[in-house]
């Protein structure tokens, strides 16, 4: 049994690495490469697209960090307002809404929309 457990642990490590998000530089490079190929950009244009993409990605990441901090602060305030039982139910409801939103986003990216019968 120990051999199976060790094997399972070994196979999970590479999967975790595969899910790492690309760096802002990698994302900007990918965008500029795609656009250069699709629109036959000059080297100067490609560099400008890279610079703009990098700036956008970094700005979005900072905005995301701020949203996370604001969400945590609001969560702490809610914890002080609700009873322990109410707070637990509220957290469960929040998690459910997040799962639903994530599912809906996934369907949207797959070309399916909420309510589609196809």
PDB file of N, CA and C in Angstrom:
ATOM      1  N   UNK A   1       0.820  -1.187   0.000  1.00  0.00           N
ATOM      2  CA  UNK A   1       0.000   0.000   0.000  1.00  0.00           C
ATOM      3  C   UNK A   1       0.870   1.258   0.000  1.00  0.00           C
ATOM      4  N   UNK A   2       1.975   1.238   0.705  1.00  0.00           N
ATOM      5  CA  UNK A   2       2.844   2.409   0.774  1.00  0.00           C
ATOM      6  C   UNK A   2       3.408   2.742  -0.597  1.00  0.00           C
ATOM      7  N   UNK A   3       3.689   1.732  -1.397  1.00  0.00           N
ATOM      8  CA  UNK A   3       4.206   1.961  -2.743  1.00  0.00           C
ATOM      9  C   UNK A   3       3.195   2.684  -3.610  1.00  0.00           C
ATOM     10  N   UNK A   4       1.946   2.323  -3.477  1.00  0.00           N
ATOM     11  CA  UNK A   4       0.897   2.976  -4.251  1.00  0.00           C
ATOM     12  C   UNK A   4       0.756   4.431  -3.830  1.00  0.00           C
ATOM     13  N   UNK A   5       0.810   4.682  -2.533  1.00  0.00           N
ATOM     14  CA  UNK A   5       0.681   6.038  -2.024  1.00  0.00           C
ATOM     15  C   UNK A   5       1.833   6.907  -2.512  1.00  0.00           C
ATOM     16  N   UNK A   6       3.043   6.372  -2.471  1.00  0.00           N
ATOM     17  CA  UNK A   6       4.205   7.121  -2.929  1.00  0.00           C
ATOM     18  C   UNK A   6       4.086   7.420  -4.419  1.00  0.00           C
ATOM     19  N   UNK A   7       3.603   6.452  -5.190  1.00  0.00           N
ATOM     20  CA  UNK A   7       3.441   6.656  -6.624  1.00  0.00           C
ATOM     21  C   UNK A   7       2.408   7.746  -6.894  1.00  0.00           C
ATOM     22  N   UNK A   8       1.315   7.719  -6.156  1.00  0.00           N
ATOM     23  CA  UNK A   8       0.261   8.712  -6.344  1.00  0.00           C
ATOM     24  C   UNK A   8       0.790  10.109  -6.044  1.00  0.00           C
ATOM     25  N   UNK A   9       1.614  10.227  -5.006  1.00  0.00           N
ATOM     26  CA  UNK A   9       2.177  11.523  -4.669  1.00  0.00           C
ATOM     27  C   UNK A   9       3.135  11.996  -5.752  1.00  0.00           C
ATOM     28  N   UNK A  10       3.895  11.077  -6.331  1.00  0.00           N
ATOM     29  CA  UNK A  10       4.840  11.445  -7.379  1.00  0.00           C
ATOM     30  C   UNK A  10       4.111  11.934  -8.620  1.00  0.00           C
ATOM     31  N   UNK A  11       2.988  11.323  -8.948  1.00  0.00           N
ATOM     32  CA  UNK A  11       2.286  11.706 -10.166  1.00  0.00           C
ATOM     33  C   UNK A  11       1.548  13.030 -10.004  1.00  0.00           C
ATOM     34  N   UNK A  12       1.282  13.459  -8.779  1.00  0.00           N
ATOM     35  CA  UNK A  12       0.553  14.707  -8.594  1.00  0.00           C
ATOM     36  C   UNK A  12       1.452  15.923  -8.719  1.00  0.00           C
ATOM     37  N   UNK A  13       2.711  15.821  -8.394  1.00  0.00           N
ATOM     38  CA  UNK A  13       3.604  16.972  -8.444  1.00  0.00           C
ATOM     39  C   UNK A  13       3.689  17.589  -9.840  1.00  0.00           C
ATOM     40  N   UNK A  14       3.899  16.807 -10.897  1.00  0.00           N
ATOM     41  CA  UNK A  14       3.977  17.429 -12.220  1.00  0.00           C
ATOM     42  C   UNK A  14       2.673  18.107 -12.641  1.00  0.00           C
ATOM     43  N   UNK A  15       1.537  17.555 -12.229  1.00  0.00           N
ATOM     44  CA  UNK A  15       0.246  18.141 -12.573  1.00  0.00           C
ATOM     45  C   UNK A  15       0.122  19.543 -11.979  1.00  0.00           C
ATOM     46  N   UNK A  16       0.622  19.711 -10.760  1.00  0.00           N
ATOM     47  CA  UNK A  16       0.567  21.011 -10.104  1.00  0.00           C
ATOM     48  C   UNK A  16       1.385  22.022 -10.893  1.00  0.00           C
ATOM     49  N   UNK A  17       2.565  21.620 -11.342  1.00  0.00           N
ATOM     50  CA  UNK A  17       3.408  22.528 -12.109  1.00  0.00           C
ATOM     51  C   UNK A  17       2.739  22.916 -13.418  1.00  0.00           C
ATOM     52  N   UNK A  18       2.031  21.993 -14.031  1.00  0.00           N
ATOM     53  CA  UNK A  18       1.383  22.272 -15.311  1.00  0.00           C
ATOM     54  C   UNK A  18       0.299  23.335 -15.165  1.00  0.00           C
ATOM     55  N   UNK A  19      -0.253  23.496 -13.970  1.00  0.00           N
ATOM     56  CA  UNK A  19      -1.329  24.460 -13.755  1.00  0.00           C
ATOM     57  C   UNK A  19      -0.809  25.837 -13.362  1.00  0.00           C
ATOM     58  N   UNK A  20       0.504  26.014 -13.289  1.00  0.00           N
ATOM     59  CA  UNK A  20       1.039  27.321 -12.938  1.00  0.00           C
ATOM     60  C   UNK A  20       0.653  28.330 -14.005  1.00  0.00           C
ATOM     61  N   UNK A  21       0.287  29.496 -13.555  1.00  0.00           N
ATOM     62  CA  UNK A  21      -0.095  30.553 -14.492  1.00  0.00           C
ATOM     63  C   UNK A  21       1.161  31.112 -15.155  1.00  0.00           C
ATOM     64  N   UNK A  22       1.020  31.501 -16.412  1.00  0.00           N
ATOM     65  CA  UNK A  22       2.167  32.120 -17.079  1.00  0.00           C
ATOM     66  C   UNK A  22       2.479  33.476 -16.447  1.00  0.00           C
ATOM     67  N   UNK A  23       3.715  33.897 -16.554  1.00  0.00           N
ATOM     68  CA  UNK A  23       4.107  35.204 -16.031  1.00  0.00           C
ATOM     69  C   UNK A  23       3.514  36.292 -16.925  1.00  0.00           C
ATOM     70  N   UNK A  24       3.453  37.521 -16.430  1.00  0.00           N
ATOM     71  CA  UNK A  24       2.967  38.616 -17.285  1.00  0.00           C
ATOM     72  C   UNK A  24       3.784  38.727 -18.578  1.00  0.00           C
ATOM     73  N   UNK A  25       5.084  38.516 -18.457  1.00  0.00           N
ATOM     74  CA  UNK A  25       5.944  38.586 -19.638  1.00  0.00           C
ATOM     75  C   UNK A  25       5.594  37.497 -20.645  1.00  0.00           C
ATOM     76  N   UNK A  26       5.325  36.296 -20.143  1.00  0.00           N
ATOM     77  CA  UNK A  26       4.952  35.197 -21.037  1.00  0.00           C
ATOM     78  C   UNK A  26       3.614  35.477 -21.717  1.00  0.00           C
ATOM     79  N   UNK A  27       2.679  36.039 -20.969  1.00  0.00           N
ATOM     80  CA  UNK A  27       1.369  36.347 -21.541  1.00  0.00           C
ATOM     81  C   UNK A  27       1.496  37.422 -22.626  1.00  0.00           C
ATOM     82  N   UNK A  28       2.282  38.452 -22.338  1.00  0.00           N
ATOM     83  CA  UNK A  28       2.482  39.529 -23.313  1.00  0.00           C
ATOM     84  C   UNK A  28       3.199  39.000 -24.550  1.00  0.00           C
ATOM     85  N   UNK A  29       4.160  38.115 -24.339  1.00  0.00           N
ATOM     86  CA  UNK A  29       4.892  37.537 -25.466  1.00  0.00           C
ATOM     87  C   UNK A  29       3.958  36.709 -26.341  1.00  0.00           C
ATOM     88  N   UNK A  30       3.122  35.922 -25.711  1.00  0.00           N
ATOM     89  CA  UNK A  30       2.174  35.089 -26.456  1.00  0.00           C
ATOM     90  C   UNK A  30       1.231  35.959 -27.294  1.00  0.00           C
ATOM     91  N   UNK A  31       0.730  37.031 -26.681  1.00  0.00           N
ATOM     92  CA  UNK A  31      -0.173  37.932 -27.393  1.00  0.00           C
ATOM     93  C   UNK A  31       0.539  38.595 -28.569  1.00  0.00           C
ATOM     94  N   UNK A  32       1.740  39.098 -28.338  1.00  0.00           N
ATOM     95  CA  UNK A  32       2.450  39.782 -29.424  1.00  0.00           C
ATOM     96  C   UNK A  32       2.841  38.799 -30.525  1.00  0.00           C
ATOM     97  N   UNK A  33       3.190  37.575 -30.162  1.00  0.00           N
ATOM     98  CA  UNK A  33       3.509  36.556 -31.173  1.00  0.00           C
ATOM     99  C   UNK A  33       2.287  36.243 -32.034  1.00  0.00           C
ATOM    100  N   UNK A  34       1.144  36.062 -31.384  1.00  0.00           N
ATOM    101  CA  UNK A  34      -0.092  35.766 -32.131  1.00  0.00           C
ATOM    102  C   UNK A  34      -0.457  36.900 -33.082  1.00  0.00           C
ATOM    103  N   UNK A  35      -0.389  38.108 -32.561  1.00  0.00           N
ATOM    104  CA  UNK A  35      -0.755  39.255 -33.392  1.00  0.00           C
ATOM    105  C   UNK A  35       0.241  39.456 -34.529  1.00  0.00           C
ATOM    106  N   UNK A  36       1.521  39.232 -34.246  1.00  0.00           N
ATOM    107  CA  UNK A  36       2.542  39.380 -35.289  1.00  0.00           C
ATOM    108  C   UNK A  36       2.279  38.403 -36.424  1.00  0.00           C
ATOM    109  N   UNK A  37       1.907  37.202 -36.075  1.00  0.00           N
ATOM    110  CA  UNK A  37       1.637  36.186 -37.088  1.00  0.00           C
ATOM    111  C   UNK A  37       0.347  36.505 -37.850  1.00  0.00           C
ATOM    112  N   UNK A  38      -0.695  36.856 -37.139  1.00  0.00           N
ATOM    113  CA  UNK A  38      -1.996  37.088 -37.780  1.00  0.00           C
ATOM    114  C   UNK A  38      -2.019  38.352 -38.629  1.00  0.00           C
ATOM    115  N   UNK A  39      -1.377  39.420 -38.133  1.00  0.00           N
ATOM    116  CA  UNK A  39      -1.477  40.712 -38.807  1.00  0.00           C
ATOM    117  C   UNK A  39      -0.186  41.136 -39.498  1.00  0.00           C
ATOM    118  N   UNK A  40       0.781  40.234 -39.554  1.00  0.00           N
ATOM    119  CA  UNK A  40       2.064  40.510 -40.212  1.00  0.00           C
ATOM    120  C   UNK A  40       2.677  41.812 -39.691  1.00  0.00           C
ATOM    121  N   UNK A  41       2.840  41.884 -38.374  1.00  0.00           N
ATOM    122  CA  UNK A  41       3.389  43.082 -37.750  1.00  0.00           C
ATOM    123  C   UNK A  41       4.875  43.224 -38.047  1.00  0.00           C
ATOM    124  N   UNK A  42       5.326  44.465 -38.086  1.00  0.00           N
ATOM    125  CA  UNK A  42       6.763  44.716 -38.184  1.00  0.00           C
ATOM    126  C   UNK A  42       7.361  44.439 -36.807  1.00  0.00           C
ATOM    127  N   UNK A  43       8.684  44.373 -36.731  1.00  0.00           N
ATOM    128  CA  UNK A  43       9.334  44.159 -35.433  1.00  0.00           C
ATOM    129  C   UNK A  43       8.992  45.293 -34.467  1.00  0.00           C
ATOM    130  N   UNK A  44       8.934  46.515 -34.985  1.00  0.00           N
ATOM    131  CA  UNK A  44       8.606  47.667 -34.135  1.00  0.00           C
ATOM    132  C   UNK A  44       7.175  47.551 -33.605  1.00  0.00           C
ATOM    133  N   UNK A  45       6.247  47.160 -34.469  1.00  0.00           N
ATOM    134  CA  UNK A  45       4.860  46.989 -34.037  1.00  0.00           C
ATOM    135  C   UNK A  45       4.750  45.873 -33.007  1.00  0.00           C
ATOM    136  N   UNK A  46       5.457  44.790 -33.258  1.00  0.00           N
ATOM    137  CA  UNK A  46       5.412  43.659 -32.332  1.00  0.00           C
ATOM    138  C   UNK A  46       5.908  44.091 -30.953  1.00  0.00           C
ATOM    139  N   UNK A  47       6.968  44.891 -30.909  1.00  0.00           N
ATOM    140  CA  UNK A  47       7.495  45.373 -29.631  1.00  0.00           C
ATOM    141  C   UNK A  47       6.477  46.274 -28.937  1.00  0.00           C
ATOM    142  N   UNK A  48       5.812  47.118 -29.709  1.00  0.00           N
ATOM    143  CA  UNK A  48       4.804  48.008 -29.130  1.00  0.00           C
ATOM    144  C   UNK A  48       3.620  47.210 -28.582  1.00  0.00           C
ATOM    145  N   UNK A  49       3.207  46.187 -29.313  1.00  0.00           N
ATOM    146  CA  UNK A  49       2.111  45.324 -28.848  1.00  0.00           C
ATOM    147  C   UNK A  49       2.536  44.610 -27.572  1.00  0.00           C
ATOM    148  N   UNK A  50       3.783  44.121 -27.530  1.00  0.00           N
ATOM    149  CA  UNK A  50       4.297  43.452 -26.338  1.00  0.00           C
ATOM    150  C   UNK A  50       4.248  44.405 -25.143  1.00  0.00           C
ATOM    151  N   UNK A  51       4.777  45.625 -25.334  1.00  0.00           N
ATOM    152  CA  UNK A  51       4.819  46.600 -24.240  1.00  0.00           C
ATOM    153  C   UNK A  51       3.413  46.920 -23.729  1.00  0.00           C
ATOM    154  N   UNK A  52       2.482  47.129 -24.652  1.00  0.00           N
ATOM    155  CA  UNK A  52       1.101  47.427 -24.270  1.00  0.00           C
ATOM    156  C   UNK A  52       0.464  46.242 -23.549  1.00  0.00           C
ATOM    157  N   UNK A  53       0.664  45.052 -24.075  1.00  0.00           N
ATOM    158  CA  UNK A  53       0.092  43.843 -23.460  1.00  0.00           C
ATOM    159  C   UNK A  53       0.646  43.635 -22.061  1.00  0.00           C
ATOM    160  N   UNK A  54       1.947  43.842 -21.898  1.00  0.00           N
ATOM    161  CA  UNK A  54       2.575  43.680 -20.584  1.00  0.00           C
ATOM    162  C   UNK A  54       1.981  44.677 -19.592  1.00  0.00           C
ATOM    163  N   UNK A  55       1.818  45.902 -20.035  1.00  0.00           N
ATOM    164  CA  UNK A  55       1.234  46.930 -19.176  1.00  0.00           C
ATOM    165  C   UNK A  55      -0.194  46.543 -18.770  1.00  0.00           C
ATOM    166  N   UNK A  56      -0.981  46.052 -19.709  1.00  0.00           N
ATOM    167  CA  UNK A  56      -2.364  45.654 -19.418  1.00  0.00           C
ATOM    168  C   UNK A  56      -2.414  44.490 -18.433  1.00  0.00           C
ATOM    169  N   UNK A  57      -1.577  43.489 -18.654  1.00  0.00           N
ATOM    170  CA  UNK A  57      -1.568  42.314 -17.777  1.00  0.00           C
ATOM    171  C   UNK A  57      -1.171  42.721 -16.363  1.00  0.00           C
ATOM    172  N   UNK A  58      -0.139  43.547 -16.244  1.00  0.00           N
ATOM    173  CA  UNK A  58       0.305  43.976 -14.923  1.00  0.00           C
ATOM    174  C   UNK A  58      -0.778  44.803 -14.226  1.00  0.00           C
ATOM    175  N   UNK A  59      -1.455  45.641 -14.973  1.00  0.00           N
ATOM    176  CA  UNK A  59      -2.539  46.450 -14.413  1.00  0.00           C
ATOM    177  C   UNK A  59      -3.682  45.556 -13.936  1.00  0.00           C
ATOM    178  N   UNK A  60      -4.029  44.558 -14.739  1.00  0.00           N
ATOM    179  CA  UNK A  60      -5.103  43.632 -14.359  1.00  0.00           C
ATOM    180  C   UNK A  60      -4.724  42.849 -13.105  1.00  0.00           C
ATOM    181  N   UNK A  61      -3.462  42.445 -13.007  1.00  0.00           N
ATOM    182  CA  UNK A  61      -3.039  41.695 -11.826  1.00  0.00           C
ATOM    183  C   UNK A  61      -3.129  42.563 -10.574  1.00  0.00           C
ATOM    184  N   UNK A  62      -2.733  43.820 -10.680  1.00  0.00           N
ATOM    185  CA  UNK A  62      -2.821  44.720  -9.535  1.00  0.00           C
ATOM    186  C   UNK A  62      -4.284  44.929  -9.139  1.00  0.00           C
ATOM    187  N   UNK A  63      -5.136  45.100 -10.118  1.00  0.00           N
ATOM    188  CA  UNK A  63      -6.571  45.262  -9.856  1.00  0.00           C
ATOM    189  C   UNK A  63      -7.121  44.016  -9.162  1.00  0.00           C
ATOM    190  N   UNK A  64      -6.689  42.850  -9.610  1.00  0.00           N
ATOM    191  CA  UNK A  64      -7.135  41.589  -9.015  1.00  0.00           C
ATOM    192  C   UNK A  64      -6.687  41.501  -7.552  1.00  0.00           C
ATOM    193  N   UNK A  65      -5.432  41.918  -7.278  1.00  0.00           N
ATOM    194  CA  UNK A  65      -4.934  41.897  -5.894  1.00  0.00           C
ATOM    195  C   UNK A  65      -5.771  42.818  -5.008  1.00  0.00           C
ATOM    196  N   UNK A  66      -6.118  43.988  -5.530  1.00  0.00           N
ATOM    197  CA  UNK A  66      -6.939  44.927  -4.763  1.00  0.00           C
ATOM    198  C   UNK A  66      -8.320  44.343  -4.481  1.00  0.00           C
ATOM    199  N   UNK A  67      -8.891  43.694  -5.473  1.00  0.00           N
ATOM    200  CA  UNK A  67     -10.217  43.086  -5.288  1.00  0.00           C
ATOM    201  C   UNK A  67     -10.170  41.994  -4.225  1.00  0.00           C
ATOM    202  N   UNK A  68      -9.119  41.195  -4.234  1.00  0.00           N
ATOM    203  CA  UNK A  68      -8.982  40.131  -3.237  1.00  0.00           C
ATOM    204  C   UNK A  68      -8.887  40.740  -1.843  1.00  0.00           C
ATOM    205  N   UNK A  69      -8.086  41.796  -1.699  1.00  0.00           N
ATOM    206  CA  UNK A  69      -7.939  42.452  -0.399  1.00  0.00           C
ATOM    207  C   UNK A  69      -9.274  43.040   0.068  1.00  0.00           C
ATOM    208  N   UNK A  70     -10.005  43.666  -0.847  1.00  0.00           N
ATOM    209  CA  UNK A  70     -11.308  44.242  -0.500  1.00  0.00           C
ATOM    210  C   UNK A  70     -12.306  43.155  -0.114  1.00  0.00           C
ATOM    211  N   UNK A  71     -12.255  42.035  -0.818  1.00  0.00           N
ATOM    212  CA  UNK A  71     -13.164  40.924  -0.511  1.00  0.00           C
ATOM    213  C   UNK A  71     -12.864  40.368   0.883  1.00  0.00           C
ATOM    214  N   UNK A  72     -11.574  40.247   1.215  1.00  0.00           N
ATOM    215  CA  UNK A  72     -11.203  39.740   2.541  1.00  0.00           C
ATOM    216  C   UNK A  72     -11.661  40.699   3.631  1.00  0.00           C
ATOM    217  N   UNK A  73     -11.495  41.992   3.399  1.00  0.00           N
ATOM    218  CA  UNK A  73     -11.917  42.989   4.389  1.00  0.00           C
ATOM    219  C   UNK A  73     -13.433  42.941   4.583  1.00  0.00           C
ATOM    220  N   UNK A  74     -14.174  42.839   3.500  1.00  0.00           N
ATOM    221  CA  UNK A  74     -15.637  42.760   3.593  1.00  0.00           C
ATOM    222  C   UNK A  74     -16.059  41.480   4.309  1.00  0.00           C
ATOM    223  N   UNK A  75     -15.343  40.398   4.045  1.00  0.00           N
ATOM    224  CA  UNK A  75     -15.640  39.123   4.695  1.00  0.00           C
ATOM    225  C   UNK A  75     -15.464  39.248   6.208  1.00  0.00           C
ATOM    226  N   UNK A  76     -14.387  39.900   6.624  1.00  0.00           N
ATOM    227  CA  UNK A  76     -14.142  40.080   8.063  1.00  0.00           C
ATOM    228  C   UNK A  76     -15.246  40.934   8.700  1.00  0.00           C
ATOM    229  N   UNK A  77     -15.681  41.958   7.999  1.00  0.00           N
ATOM    230  CA  UNK A  77     -16.761  42.802   8.522  1.00  0.00           C
ATOM    231  C   UNK A  77     -18.056  42.001   8.639  1.00  0.00           C
ATOM    232  N   UNK A  78     -18.333  41.183   7.630  1.00  0.00           N
ATOM    233  CA  UNK A  78     -19.548  40.356   7.644  1.00  0.00           C
ATOM    234  C   UNK A  78     -19.493  39.385   8.821  1.00  0.00           C
ATOM    235  N   UNK A  79     -18.308  38.873   9.091  1.00  0.00           N
ATOM    236  CA  UNK A  79     -18.125  37.936  10.206  1.00  0.00           C
ATOM    237  C   UNK A  79     -18.507  38.606  11.530  1.00  0.00           C
ATOM    238  N   UNK A  80     -18.240  39.909  11.631  1.00  0.00           N
ATOM    239  CA  UNK A  80     -18.583  40.648  12.839  1.00  0.00           C
ATOM    240  C   UNK A  80     -20.061  40.997  12.932  1.00  0.00           C
ATOM    241  N   UNK A  81     -20.746  40.989  11.807  1.00  0.00           N
ATOM    242  CA  UNK A  81     -22.168  41.344  11.772  1.00  0.00           C
ATOM    243  C   UNK A  81     -23.055  40.130  12.033  1.00  0.00           C
ATOM    244  N   UNK A  82     -22.739  39.017  11.398  1.00  0.00           N
ATOM    245  CA  UNK A  82     -23.582  37.819  11.462  1.00  0.00           C
ATOM    246  C   UNK A  82     -23.229  36.940  12.654  1.00  0.00           C
ATOM    247  N   UNK A  83     -24.176  36.117  13.059  1.00  0.00           N
ATOM    248  CA  UNK A  83     -23.877  35.106  14.070  1.00  0.00           C
ATOM    249  C   UNK A  83     -23.004  34.045  13.402  1.00  0.00           C
ATOM    250  N   UNK A  84     -22.434  33.181  14.206  1.00  0.00           N
ATOM    251  CA  UNK A  84     -21.578  32.128  13.658  1.00  0.00           C
ATOM    252  C   UNK A  84     -22.356  31.243  12.678  1.00  0.00           C
ATOM    253  N   UNK A  85     -23.584  30.904  13.048  1.00  0.00           N
ATOM    254  CA  UNK A  85     -24.419  30.061  12.189  1.00  0.00           C
ATOM    255  C   UNK A  85     -24.760  30.789  10.879  1.00  0.00           C
ATOM    256  N   UNK A  86     -25.143  32.051  10.996  1.00  0.00           N
ATOM    257  CA  UNK A  86     -25.475  32.836   9.798  1.00  0.00           C
ATOM    258  C   UNK A  86     -24.253  32.982   8.886  1.00  0.00           C
ATOM    259  N   UNK A  87     -23.118  33.242   9.505  1.00  0.00           N
ATOM    260  CA  UNK A  87     -21.887  33.423   8.733  1.00  0.00           C
ATOM    261  C   UNK A  87     -21.529  32.143   7.981  1.00  0.00           C
ATOM    262  N   UNK A  88     -21.666  31.013   8.646  1.00  0.00           N
ATOM    263  CA  UNK A  88     -21.367  29.732   8.004  1.00  0.00           C
ATOM    264  C   UNK A  88     -22.275  29.524   6.790  1.00  0.00           C
ATOM    265  N   UNK A  89     -23.572  29.797   6.949  1.00  0.00           N
ATOM    266  CA  UNK A  89     -24.520  29.651   5.839  1.00  0.00           C
ATOM    267  C   UNK A  89     -24.184  30.623   4.712  1.00  0.00           C
ATOM    268  N   UNK A  90     -23.841  31.851   5.083  1.00  0.00           N
ATOM    269  CA  UNK A  90     -23.489  32.868   4.090  1.00  0.00           C
ATOM    270  C   UNK A  90     -22.259  32.434   3.290  1.00  0.00           C
ATOM    271  N   UNK A  91     -21.241  31.896   3.971  1.00  0.00           N
ATOM    272  CA  UNK A  91     -20.031  31.420   3.288  1.00  0.00           C
ATOM    273  C   UNK A  91     -20.367  30.281   2.333  1.00  0.00           C
ATOM    274  N   UNK A  92     -21.253  29.379   2.757  1.00  0.00           N
ATOM    275  CA  UNK A  92     -21.676  28.278   1.881  1.00  0.00           C
ATOM    276  C   UNK A  92     -22.394  28.824   0.650  1.00  0.00           C
ATOM    277  N   UNK A  93     -23.249  29.814   0.863  1.00  0.00           N
ATOM    278  CA  UNK A  93     -23.966  30.431  -0.261  1.00  0.00           C
ATOM    279  C   UNK A  93     -22.994  31.132  -1.212  1.00  0.00           C
ATOM    280  N   UNK A  94     -22.001  31.807  -0.648  1.00  0.00           N
ATOM    281  CA  UNK A  94     -20.996  32.485  -1.471  1.00  0.00           C
ATOM    282  C   UNK A  94     -20.220  31.476  -2.319  1.00  0.00           C
ATOM    283  N   UNK A  95     -19.834  30.370  -1.701  1.00  0.00           N
ATOM    284  CA  UNK A  95     -19.093  29.330  -2.424  1.00  0.00           C
ATOM    285  C   UNK A  95     -19.944  28.751  -3.547  1.00  0.00           C
ATOM    286  N   UNK A  96     -21.219  28.553  -3.271  1.00  0.00           N
ATOM    287  CA  UNK A  96     -22.140  28.017  -4.280  1.00  0.00           C
ATOM    288  C   UNK A  96     -22.254  28.981  -5.460  1.00  0.00           C
ATOM    289  N   UNK A  97     -22.387  30.273  -5.156  1.00  0.00           N
ATOM    290  CA  UNK A  97     -22.475  31.274  -6.220  1.00  0.00           C
ATOM    291  C   UNK A  97     -21.195  31.309  -7.053  1.00  0.00           C
ATOM    292  N   UNK A  98     -20.050  31.170  -6.407  1.00  0.00           N
ATOM    293  CA  UNK A  98     -18.772  31.173  -7.130  1.00  0.00           C
ATOM    294  C   UNK A  98     -18.677  29.966  -8.052  1.00  0.00           C
ATOM    295  N   UNK A  99     -19.108  28.807  -7.559  1.00  0.00           N
ATOM    296  CA  UNK A  99     -19.077  27.603  -8.403  1.00  0.00           C
ATOM    297  C   UNK A  99     -19.990  27.771  -9.610  1.00  0.00           C
ATOM    298  N   UNK A 100     -21.175  28.332  -9.381  1.00  0.00           N
ATOM    299  CA  UNK A 100     -22.125  28.546 -10.474  1.00  0.00           C
ATOM    300  C   UNK A 100     -21.550  29.525 -11.489  1.00  0.00           C
ATOM    301  N   UNK A 101     -20.966  30.607 -11.016  1.00  0.00           N
ATOM    302  CA  UNK A 101     -20.386  31.605 -11.919  1.00  0.00           C
ATOM    303  C   UNK A 101     -19.228  31.005 -12.705  1.00  0.00           C
ATOM    304  N   UNK A 102     -18.407  30.208 -12.038  1.00  0.00           N
ATOM    305  CA  UNK A 102     -17.278  29.572 -12.719  1.00  0.00           C
ATOM    306  C   UNK A 102     -17.783  28.596 -13.779  1.00  0.00           C
ATOM    307  N   UNK A 103     -18.824  27.851 -13.439  1.00  0.00           N
ATOM    308  CA  UNK A 103     -19.409  26.903 -14.391  1.00  0.00           C
ATOM    309  C   UNK A 103     -19.970  27.645 -15.597  1.00  0.00           C
ATOM    310  N   UNK A 104     -20.682  28.745 -15.335  1.00  0.00           N
ATOM    311  CA  UNK A 104     -21.268  29.530 -16.422  1.00  0.00           C
ATOM    312  C   UNK A 104     -20.185  30.129 -17.313  1.00  0.00           C
ATOM    313  N   UNK A 105     -19.089  30.590 -16.714  1.00  0.00           N
ATOM    314  CA  UNK A 105     -17.983  31.126 -17.521  1.00  0.00           C
ATOM    315  C   UNK A 105     -17.389  30.033 -18.385  1.00  0.00           C
ATOM    316  N   UNK A 106     -17.259  28.830 -17.831  1.00  0.00           N
ATOM    317  CA  UNK A 106     -16.722  27.709 -18.599  1.00  0.00           C
ATOM    318  C   UNK A 106     -17.610  27.366 -19.773  1.00  0.00           C
ATOM    319  N   UNK A 107     -18.915  27.382 -19.566  1.00  0.00           N
ATOM    320  CA  UNK A 107     -19.858  27.086 -20.647  1.00  0.00           C
ATOM    321  C   UNK A 107     -19.802  28.176 -21.704  1.00  0.00           C
ATOM    322  N   UNK A 108     -19.627  29.409 -21.275  1.00  0.00           N
ATOM    323  CA  UNK A 108     -19.554  30.522 -22.216  1.00  0.00           C
ATOM    324  C   UNK A 108     -18.331  30.369 -23.112  1.00  0.00           C
ATOM    325  N   UNK A 109     -17.202  29.998 -22.523  1.00  0.00           N
ATOM    326  CA  UNK A 109     -15.980  29.815 -23.302  1.00  0.00           C
ATOM    327  C   UNK A 109     -16.088  28.618 -24.231  1.00  0.00           C
ATOM    328  N   UNK A 110     -16.923  27.673 -23.887  1.00  0.00           N
ATOM    329  CA  UNK A 110     -17.098  26.483 -24.726  1.00  0.00           C
ATOM    330  C   UNK A 110     -18.140  26.733 -25.811  1.00  0.00           C
ATOM    331  N   UNK A 111     -18.678  27.949 -25.853  1.00  0.00           N
ATOM    332  CA  UNK A 111     -19.666  28.281 -26.870  1.00  0.00           C
ATOM    333  C   UNK A 111     -21.085  27.978 -26.457  1.00  0.00           C
ATOM    334  N   UNK A 112     -21.279  27.599 -25.215  1.00  0.00           N
ATOM    335  CA  UNK A 112     -22.614  27.304 -24.706  1.00  0.00           C
ATOM    336  C   UNK A 112     -23.005  28.412 -23.747  1.00  0.00           C
ATOM    337  N   UNK A 113     -24.247  28.743 -23.717  1.00  0.00           N
ATOM    338  CA  UNK A 113     -24.723  29.784 -22.823  1.00  0.00           C
ATOM    339  C   UNK A 113     -25.777  29.211 -21.901  1.00  0.00           C
ATOM    340  N   UNK A 114     -25.867  29.791 -20.728  1.00  0.00           N
ATOM    341  CA  UNK A 114     -26.845  29.361 -19.741  1.00  0.00           C
ATOM    342  C   UNK A 114     -28.233  29.401 -20.370  1.00  0.00           C
ATOM    343  N   UNK A 115     -28.931  28.315 -20.291  1.00  0.00           N
ATOM    344  CA  UNK A 115     -30.275  28.261 -20.841  1.00  0.00           C
ATOM    345  C   UNK A 115     -30.338  27.687 -22.242  1.00  0.00           C
ATOM    346  N   UNK A 116     -29.169  27.487 -22.886  1.00  0.00           N
ATOM    347  CA  UNK A 116     -29.176  26.875 -24.222  1.00  0.00           C
ATOM    348  C   UNK A 116     -29.693  25.456 -24.125  1.00  0.00           C
ATOM    349  N   UNK A 117     -30.483  25.039 -25.085  1.00  0.00           N
ATOM    350  CA  UNK A 117     -31.037  23.689 -25.075  1.00  0.00           C
ATOM    351  C   UNK A 117     -30.257  22.762 -25.990  1.00  0.00           C
ATOM    352  N   UNK A 118     -29.240  23.282 -26.649  1.00  0.00           N
ATOM    353  CA  UNK A 118     -28.461  22.465 -27.590  1.00  0.00           C
ATOM    354  C   UNK A 118     -27.487  21.579 -26.889  1.00  0.00           C
TER     355      UNK A 118
END
